[in-house]
Amino acid sequence: IIERGTRDLDPASRRMRAERNLRLADLEQLGSGPSARIELVRAEALSQLDQPEKAAAAYRRAVGLAARGSTEALDAYYGWLTIYDQWPERRNEQLAIAAAALDQFPLDAQLLCATGNYLQAQGRYDLAARSYQAASEHGCVNIETWHLENIAELTTNC
């Protein structure tokens, strides 16, 4: 059981933490230069601060800076795709991002299911079904990228 204090859920505390994380990311970048990790911190903070366009740009930069096939790249793609969930009118862009992610992580179960969801929302049921089927039959889970309360439920087959 993961217990969180009220401070973790308090909007004012979350905002202060996000603003602090942005300042720390800027300071670290001044000292060490750009990195995928810094951009991920920046993107998550901007998302918390309800700045989705800036968060999406930071996730895009993180993808560009991350080593191909790395956990950082996968985290960046997950975040970038999640930001786009609030823009149904930009579903084609989201599908393009998902395709780029699947190019690096072709058997990632979460990406395959998300892609199936995007395709289903566009009425492309045949392709959505193929994506879900690939996730079911061949999908792998990168345990480092899952943020679940009960990780014991997961098994990896990769």
C-alpha atoms as a PDB file:
ATOM      1  CA  ILE A   1       0.000   0.000   0.000  1.00  0.00           C
ATOM      2  CA  ILE A   2       1.312   3.404  -0.970  1.00  0.00           C
ATOM      3  CA  GLU A   3       0.087   6.135   1.325  1.00  0.00           C
ATOM      4  CA  ARG A   4       0.324   9.790   0.393  1.00  0.00           C
ATOM      5  CA  GLY A   5       0.036  12.728   2.698  1.00  0.00           C
ATOM      6  CA  THR A   6      -2.403  15.537   2.067  1.00  0.00           C
ATOM      7  CA  ARG A   7       0.508  17.759   1.014  1.00  0.00           C
ATOM      8  CA  ASP A   8       1.155  15.512  -1.996  1.00  0.00           C
ATOM      9  CA  LEU A   9      -2.405  16.090  -3.185  1.00  0.00           C
ATOM     10  CA  ASP A  10      -2.688  19.779  -2.318  1.00  0.00           C
ATOM     11  CA  PRO A  11      -2.841  21.845  -5.559  1.00  0.00           C
ATOM     12  CA  ALA A  12      -0.818  24.708  -4.067  1.00  0.00           C
ATOM     13  CA  SER A  13       1.934  22.322  -2.927  1.00  0.00           C
ATOM     14  CA  ARG A  14       1.965  20.581  -6.303  1.00  0.00           C
ATOM     15  CA  ARG A  15       2.269  23.948  -8.052  1.00  0.00           C
ATOM     16  CA  MET A  16       5.159  25.027  -5.802  1.00  0.00           C
ATOM     17  CA  ARG A  17       6.960  21.715  -6.440  1.00  0.00           C
ATOM     18  CA  ALA A  18       6.466  22.064 -10.186  1.00  0.00           C
ATOM     19  CA  GLU A  19       7.804  25.631 -10.151  1.00  0.00           C
ATOM     20  CA  ARG A  20      10.774  24.500  -8.056  1.00  0.00           C
ATOM     21  CA  ASN A  21      11.457  21.610 -10.447  1.00  0.00           C
ATOM     22  CA  LEU A  22      11.453  24.017 -13.395  1.00  0.00           C
ATOM     23  CA  ARG A  23      14.006  26.243 -11.665  1.00  0.00           C
ATOM     24  CA  LEU A  24      16.173  23.235 -10.802  1.00  0.00           C
ATOM     25  CA  ALA A  25      15.979  21.937 -14.381  1.00  0.00           C
ATOM     26  CA  ASP A  26      17.075  25.336 -15.693  1.00  0.00           C
ATOM     27  CA  LEU A  27      19.983  25.450 -13.238  1.00  0.00           C
ATOM     28  CA  GLU A  28      21.104  21.931 -14.061  1.00  0.00           C
ATOM     29  CA  GLN A  29      20.939  22.639 -17.780  1.00  0.00           C
ATOM     30  CA  LEU A  30      23.131  25.715 -17.301  1.00  0.00           C
ATOM     31  CA  GLY A  31      25.706  23.557 -15.556  1.00  0.00           C
ATOM     32  CA  SER A  32      25.626  20.401 -17.620  1.00  0.00           C
ATOM     33  CA  GLY A  33      23.859  21.217 -20.870  1.00  0.00           C
ATOM     34  CA  PRO A  34      20.655  19.772 -22.252  1.00  0.00           C
ATOM     35  CA  SER A  35      19.656  16.175 -21.565  1.00  0.00           C
ATOM     36  CA  ALA A  36      16.627  13.973 -21.959  1.00  0.00           C
ATOM     37  CA  ARG A  37      16.336  13.659 -18.169  1.00  0.00           C
ATOM     38  CA  ILE A  38      16.202  17.437 -17.710  1.00  0.00           C
ATOM     39  CA  GLU A  39      13.588  17.762 -20.451  1.00  0.00           C
ATOM     40  CA  LEU A  40      11.483  15.042 -18.812  1.00  0.00           C
ATOM     41  CA  VAL A  41      11.557  16.944 -15.510  1.00  0.00           C
ATOM     42  CA  ARG A  42      10.682  20.150 -17.342  1.00  0.00           C
ATOM     43  CA  ALA A  43       7.824  18.486 -19.259  1.00  0.00           C
ATOM     44  CA  GLU A  44       6.286  16.963 -16.141  1.00  0.00           C
ATOM     45  CA  ALA A  45       6.497  20.283 -14.301  1.00  0.00           C
ATOM     46  CA  LEU A  46       4.943  22.189 -17.214  1.00  0.00           C
ATOM     47  CA  SER A  47       2.172  19.627 -17.362  1.00  0.00           C
ATOM     48  CA  GLN A  48       1.502  20.127 -13.629  1.00  0.00           C
ATOM     49  CA  LEU A  49       1.391  23.877 -14.269  1.00  0.00           C
ATOM     50  CA  ASP A  50      -1.258  23.374 -16.983  1.00  0.00           C
ATOM     51  CA  GLN A  51       1.010  24.436 -19.846  1.00  0.00           C
ATOM     52  CA  PRO A  52       0.390  21.560 -22.269  1.00  0.00           C
ATOM     53  CA  GLU A  53       1.928  23.150 -25.385  1.00  0.00           C
ATOM     54  CA  LYS A  54       5.187  23.813 -23.550  1.00  0.00           C
ATOM     55  CA  ALA A  55       5.069  20.361 -21.963  1.00  0.00           C
ATOM     56  CA  ALA A  56       4.598  18.739 -25.385  1.00  0.00           C
ATOM     57  CA  ALA A  57       7.589  20.675 -26.731  1.00  0.00           C
ATOM     58  CA  ALA A  58       9.720  19.517 -23.783  1.00  0.00           C
ATOM     59  CA  TYR A  59       8.682  15.883 -24.335  1.00  0.00           C
ATOM     60  CA  ARG A  60       9.583  16.268 -28.030  1.00  0.00           C
ATOM     61  CA  ARG A  61      13.018  17.609 -27.063  1.00  0.00           C
ATOM     62  CA  ALA A  62      13.449  14.731 -24.589  1.00  0.00           C
ATOM     63  CA  VAL A  63      12.767  12.226 -27.378  1.00  0.00           C
ATOM     64  CA  GLY A  64      15.386  13.960 -29.512  1.00  0.00           C
ATOM     65  CA  LEU A  65      17.988  13.918 -26.743  1.00  0.00           C
ATOM     66  CA  ALA A  66      17.350  10.404 -25.448  1.00  0.00           C
ATOM     67  CA  ALA A  67      19.345   7.418 -26.614  1.00  0.00           C
ATOM     68  CA  ARG A  68      17.370   5.377 -29.116  1.00  0.00           C
ATOM     69  CA  GLY A  69      15.501   2.572 -27.341  1.00  0.00           C
ATOM     70  CA  SER A  70      16.249   3.919 -23.859  1.00  0.00           C
ATOM     71  CA  THR A  71      13.831   4.099 -20.941  1.00  0.00           C
ATOM     72  CA  GLU A  72      14.120   7.889 -21.144  1.00  0.00           C
ATOM     73  CA  ALA A  73      12.954   7.787 -24.766  1.00  0.00           C
ATOM     74  CA  LEU A  74      10.025   5.561 -23.830  1.00  0.00           C
ATOM     75  CA  ASP A  75       9.067   7.815 -20.896  1.00  0.00           C
ATOM     76  CA  ALA A  76       9.221  10.831 -23.205  1.00  0.00           C
ATOM     77  CA  TYR A  77       6.960   9.167 -25.761  1.00  0.00           C
ATOM     78  CA  TYR A  78       4.474   8.144 -23.064  1.00  0.00           C
ATOM     79  CA  GLY A  79       4.322  11.698 -21.729  1.00  0.00           C
ATOM     80  CA  TRP A  80       4.100  13.251 -25.181  1.00  0.00           C
ATOM     81  CA  LEU A  81       1.236  10.970 -26.184  1.00  0.00           C
ATOM     82  CA  THR A  82      -0.588  11.595 -22.906  1.00  0.00           C
ATOM     83  CA  ILE A  83      -0.432  15.368 -23.419  1.00  0.00           C
ATOM     84  CA  TYR A  84      -2.108  14.897 -26.803  1.00  0.00           C
ATOM     85  CA  ASP A  85      -5.040  13.068 -25.180  1.00  0.00           C
ATOM     86  CA  GLN A  86      -6.548  16.477 -24.403  1.00  0.00           C
ATOM     87  CA  TRP A  87      -6.509  17.473 -28.091  1.00  0.00           C
ATOM     88  CA  PRO A  88      -8.813  15.057 -29.973  1.00  0.00           C
ATOM     89  CA  GLU A  89      -8.646  17.367 -32.978  1.00  0.00           C
ATOM     90  CA  ARG A  90      -4.918  16.580 -33.217  1.00  0.00           C
ATOM     91  CA  ARG A  91      -5.367  12.797 -33.310  1.00  0.00           C
ATOM     92  CA  ASN A  92      -3.400  12.515 -36.589  1.00  0.00           C
ATOM     93  CA  GLU A  93      -0.376  14.154 -34.923  1.00  0.00           C
ATOM     94  CA  GLN A  94      -0.786  11.808 -31.966  1.00  0.00           C
ATOM     95  CA  LEU A  95      -0.853   8.818 -34.299  1.00  0.00           C
ATOM     96  CA  ALA A  96       2.347  10.056 -35.964  1.00  0.00           C
ATOM     97  CA  ILE A  97       4.013  10.286 -32.534  1.00  0.00           C
ATOM     98  CA  ALA A  98       2.776   6.786 -31.691  1.00  0.00           C
ATOM     99  CA  ALA A  99       4.163   5.468 -34.980  1.00  0.00           C
ATOM    100  CA  ALA A 100       7.558   7.023 -34.219  1.00  0.00           C
ATOM    101  CA  ALA A 101       7.464   5.479 -30.742  1.00  0.00           C
ATOM    102  CA  LEU A 102       6.567   2.063 -32.159  1.00  0.00           C
ATOM    103  CA  ASP A 103       9.494   2.379 -34.561  1.00  0.00           C
ATOM    104  CA  GLN A 104      11.784   2.320 -31.506  1.00  0.00           C
ATOM    105  CA  PHE A 105       9.633   0.081 -29.308  1.00  0.00           C
ATOM    106  CA  PRO A 106       7.666  -2.152 -31.698  1.00  0.00           C
ATOM    107  CA  LEU A 107       6.435  -4.616 -29.066  1.00  0.00           C
ATOM    108  CA  ASP A 108       5.712  -2.237 -26.204  1.00  0.00           C
ATOM    109  CA  ALA A 109       2.305  -3.306 -24.908  1.00  0.00           C
ATOM    110  CA  GLN A 110       1.342   0.133 -23.623  1.00  0.00           C
ATOM    111  CA  LEU A 111       2.202   1.825 -26.938  1.00  0.00           C
ATOM    112  CA  LEU A 112       0.346  -0.833 -28.918  1.00  0.00           C
ATOM    113  CA  CYS A 113      -2.768  -0.456 -26.739  1.00  0.00           C
ATOM    114  CA  ALA A 114      -2.606   3.346 -26.897  1.00  0.00           C
ATOM    115  CA  THR A 115      -2.268   3.199 -30.682  1.00  0.00           C
ATOM    116  CA  GLY A 116      -5.256   0.867 -30.823  1.00  0.00           C
ATOM    117  CA  ASN A 117      -7.215   3.388 -28.764  1.00  0.00           C
ATOM    118  CA  TYR A 118      -6.276   6.275 -31.094  1.00  0.00           C
ATOM    119  CA  LEU A 119      -7.201   4.236 -34.156  1.00  0.00           C
ATOM    120  CA  GLN A 120     -10.484   3.142 -32.587  1.00  0.00           C
ATOM    121  CA  ALA A 121     -11.354   6.784 -31.851  1.00  0.00           C
ATOM    122  CA  GLN A 122     -10.931   7.487 -35.566  1.00  0.00           C
ATOM    123  CA  GLY A 123     -13.195   4.600 -36.532  1.00  0.00           C
ATOM    124  CA  ARG A 124     -10.305   2.545 -37.933  1.00  0.00           C
ATOM    125  CA  TYR A 125     -11.488  -0.599 -36.185  1.00  0.00           C
ATOM    126  CA  ASP A 126      -9.571  -3.086 -38.321  1.00  0.00           C
ATOM    127  CA  LEU A 127      -6.223  -1.440 -37.548  1.00  0.00           C
ATOM    128  CA  ALA A 128      -7.191  -0.914 -33.912  1.00  0.00           C
ATOM    129  CA  ALA A 129      -7.975  -4.609 -33.574  1.00  0.00           C
ATOM    130  CA  ARG A 130      -4.603  -5.526 -35.092  1.00  0.00           C
ATOM    131  CA  SER A 131      -2.845  -3.225 -32.646  1.00  0.00           C
ATOM    132  CA  TYR A 132      -4.676  -4.718 -29.659  1.00  0.00           C
ATOM    133  CA  GLN A 133      -4.007  -8.227 -30.950  1.00  0.00           C
ATOM    134  CA  ALA A 134      -0.275  -7.502 -31.308  1.00  0.00           C
ATOM    135  CA  ALA A 135      -0.254  -6.142 -27.747  1.00  0.00           C
ATOM    136  CA  SER A 136      -2.024  -9.239 -26.468  1.00  0.00           C
ATOM    137  CA  GLU A 137       0.053 -11.801 -28.330  1.00  0.00           C
ATOM    138  CA  HIS A 138       3.494 -10.186 -28.440  1.00  0.00           C
ATOM    139  CA  GLY A 139       3.433  -7.132 -26.181  1.00  0.00           C
ATOM    140  CA  CYS A 140       6.152  -6.562 -23.627  1.00  0.00           C
ATOM    141  CA  VAL A 141       6.118  -4.375 -20.538  1.00  0.00           C
ATOM    142  CA  ASN A 142       9.048  -2.188 -19.519  1.00  0.00           C
ATOM    143  CA  ILE A 143       8.674  -2.329 -15.744  1.00  0.00           C
ATOM    144  CA  GLU A 144      10.789   0.828 -15.275  1.00  0.00           C
ATOM    145  CA  THR A 145       8.193   2.972 -17.018  1.00  0.00           C
ATOM    146  CA  TRP A 146       5.107   1.787 -15.160  1.00  0.00           C
ATOM    147  CA  HIS A 147       3.755   4.008 -12.415  1.00  0.00           C
ATOM    148  CA  LEU A 148       1.324   1.703 -10.665  1.00  0.00           C
ATOM    149  CA  GLU A 149       0.228   1.321  -7.111  1.00  0.00           C
ATOM    150  CA  ASN A 150       0.506  -2.449  -7.239  1.00  0.00           C
ATOM    151  CA  ILE A 151       3.415  -3.565  -9.401  1.00  0.00           C
ATOM    152  CA  ALA A 152       2.994  -7.151  -8.185  1.00  0.00           C
ATOM    153  CA  GLU A 153       0.195  -7.570 -10.745  1.00  0.00           C
ATOM    154  CA  LEU A 154       2.622  -7.196 -13.629  1.00  0.00           C
ATOM    155  CA  THR A 155       4.598  -9.902 -15.275  1.00  0.00           C
ATOM    156  CA  THR A 156       7.113  -9.386 -18.016  1.00  0.00           C
ATOM    157  CA  ASN A 157       7.622 -11.752 -20.883  1.00  0.00           C
ATOM    158  CA  CYS A 158      10.408  -9.960 -22.733  1.00  0.00           C
END
